[in-house]
């Protein structure tokens, strides 16, 4: 009689293990890796042009809303380098016809000048 009890116990344990194991296999577990990558930077709200001509910026002072861009266009025959006084931005040397664009994501006043011709100054006010 003791052998029959052991067979029943072993059978019960085996069926319990099988039940737990099969339930585990049926469970849907996602093993996919999810990565979050930054999307493309949104386009600026507006793009305002500042023309460089006659060794000056036109307009000299400009007000824009946050998220807008300013595009400088060099119409002078000589090169210019646009530099923010606080170091927030700096263009490469812009030959005649060259352009430089900055998107202003934060509010504030941004005074700038030409690194080659320091008497050329301008200001962007971002609201």
Protein backbone atom coordinates (compact mmCIF):
# COMPACT_ATOMS: atom_id res chain seq x y z
CA UNK A 1 0.00 0.00 0.00
CA UNK A 2 2.81 2.42 0.61
CA UNK A 3 3.96 2.12 -3.03
CA UNK A 4 0.52 3.14 -4.27
CA UNK A 5 0.59 6.23 -2.01
CA UNK A 6 4.04 7.18 -3.32
CA UNK A 7 2.86 6.76 -6.93
CA UNK A 8 -0.14 9.01 -6.23
CA UNK A 9 2.07 11.65 -4.56
CA UNK A 10 4.61 11.59 -7.40
CA UNK A 11 1.80 11.79 -9.98
CA UNK A 12 0.19 14.73 -8.14
CA UNK A 13 3.48 16.60 -7.86
CA UNK A 14 4.30 15.93 -11.52
CA UNK A 15 0.89 17.13 -12.70
CA UNK A 16 1.19 20.25 -10.52
CA UNK A 17 4.60 21.05 -11.98
CA UNK A 18 3.24 20.45 -15.49
CA UNK A 19 0.26 22.75 -14.80
CA UNK A 20 2.45 25.58 -13.47
CA UNK A 21 4.98 25.18 -16.28
CA UNK A 22 2.34 25.14 -19.05
CA UNK A 23 0.61 28.20 -17.56
CA UNK A 24 3.97 30.00 -17.54
CA UNK A 25 4.55 29.11 -21.22
CA UNK A 26 1.10 30.37 -22.24
CA UNK A 27 1.64 33.73 -20.54
CA UNK A 28 2.43 36.44 -23.05
CA UNK A 29 5.61 38.20 -22.10
CA UNK A 30 6.97 40.90 -24.34
CA UNK A 31 10.69 40.79 -24.78
CA UNK A 32 10.83 43.59 -27.32
CA UNK A 33 13.20 46.41 -26.52
CA UNK A 34 11.63 49.81 -26.78
CA UNK A 35 13.87 52.72 -27.52
CA UNK A 36 12.85 56.32 -27.41
CA UNK A 37 14.74 58.52 -29.78
CA UNK A 38 14.26 62.24 -30.14
CA UNK A 39 12.22 63.12 -33.16
CA UNK A 40 13.10 65.77 -35.66
CA UNK A 41 13.34 69.26 -34.30
CA UNK A 42 10.13 71.13 -35.08
CA UNK A 43 10.23 73.83 -37.69
CA UNK A 44 10.48 77.37 -36.36
CA UNK A 45 7.23 79.30 -35.95
CA UNK A 46 8.48 82.01 -38.32
CA UNK A 47 11.74 82.93 -40.01
CA UNK A 48 12.61 86.63 -39.99
CA UNK A 49 15.36 87.97 -42.24
CA UNK A 50 18.09 90.38 -41.22
CA UNK A 51 19.92 91.81 -44.20
CA UNK A 52 23.59 92.70 -43.91
CA UNK A 53 24.36 95.61 -46.19
CA UNK A 54 26.42 98.79 -46.06
CA UNK A 55 28.25 97.43 -43.00
CA UNK A 56 25.06 97.35 -40.91
CA UNK A 57 22.28 94.98 -39.89
CA UNK A 58 18.78 95.83 -41.16
CA UNK A 59 16.72 95.87 -39.04
CA UNK A 60 19.18 96.66 -36.28
CA UNK A 61 16.72 95.62 -33.55
CA UNK A 62 14.14 92.90 -33.98
CA UNK A 63 11.37 91.43 -31.78
CA UNK A 64 10.24 87.85 -32.31
CA UNK A 65 8.33 85.16 -30.40
CA UNK A 66 10.03 82.21 -28.75
CA UNK A 67 10.49 79.33 -31.21
CA UNK A 68 11.06 81.65 -34.18
CA UNK A 69 14.21 81.83 -36.27
CA UNK A 70 16.31 84.69 -37.56
CA UNK A 71 18.15 84.31 -40.87
CA UNK A 72 20.98 86.73 -41.63
CA UNK A 73 21.74 87.29 -45.32
CA UNK A 74 25.02 88.95 -46.30
CA UNK A 75 24.51 91.39 -49.19
CA UNK A 76 27.88 93.11 -48.64
CA UNK A 77 30.81 92.35 -50.93
CA UNK A 78 32.93 91.64 -47.84
CA UNK A 79 32.64 88.73 -45.39
CA UNK A 80 31.04 89.04 -41.95
CA UNK A 81 30.96 86.82 -38.83
CA UNK A 82 27.87 87.11 -36.61
CA UNK A 83 28.59 86.62 -32.90
CA UNK A 84 26.25 86.78 -29.91
CA UNK A 85 27.80 89.02 -27.22
CA UNK A 86 27.15 86.34 -24.56
CA UNK A 87 28.45 83.49 -26.74
CA UNK A 88 25.09 81.83 -27.46
CA UNK A 89 25.76 81.61 -31.20
CA UNK A 90 28.44 82.34 -33.79
CA UNK A 91 28.39 82.02 -37.55
CA UNK A 92 31.16 80.92 -39.83
CA UNK A 93 32.54 83.61 -42.12
CA UNK A 94 29.67 84.63 -44.39
CA UNK A 95 30.74 85.57 -47.91
CA UNK A 96 28.54 87.71 -50.13
CA UNK A 97 25.23 85.86 -50.51
CA UNK A 98 25.95 83.68 -47.44
CA UNK A 99 23.27 83.01 -44.84
CA UNK A 100 23.18 82.07 -41.16
CA UNK A 101 20.11 80.99 -39.18
CA UNK A 102 19.40 80.65 -35.44
CA UNK A 103 16.22 79.31 -33.79
CA UNK A 104 15.52 81.14 -30.52
CA UNK A 105 14.00 78.66 -28.05
CA UNK A 106 14.28 80.87 -24.97
CA UNK A 107 13.06 84.35 -24.14
CA UNK A 108 15.42 87.24 -23.57
CA UNK A 109 17.54 89.87 -25.28
CA UNK A 110 20.34 88.72 -27.54
CA UNK A 111 22.81 91.45 -28.51
CA UNK A 112 25.19 90.56 -31.32
CA UNK A 113 27.89 92.07 -33.50
CA UNK A 114 30.17 91.30 -36.43
CA UNK A 115 33.45 89.82 -35.18
CA UNK A 116 35.32 91.34 -38.14
CA UNK A 117 33.64 94.77 -37.93
CA UNK A 118 32.76 95.34 -34.22
CA UNK A 119 30.94 98.62 -34.96
CA UNK A 120 28.21 96.52 -36.62
CA UNK A 121 25.76 95.68 -33.85
CA UNK A 122 22.20 94.39 -33.51
CA UNK A 123 19.74 93.01 -30.99
CA UNK A 124 17.08 90.27 -31.03
CA UNK A 125 14.33 90.52 -28.40
CA UNK A 126 12.61 87.17 -27.90
CA UNK A 127 9.22 87.34 -26.14
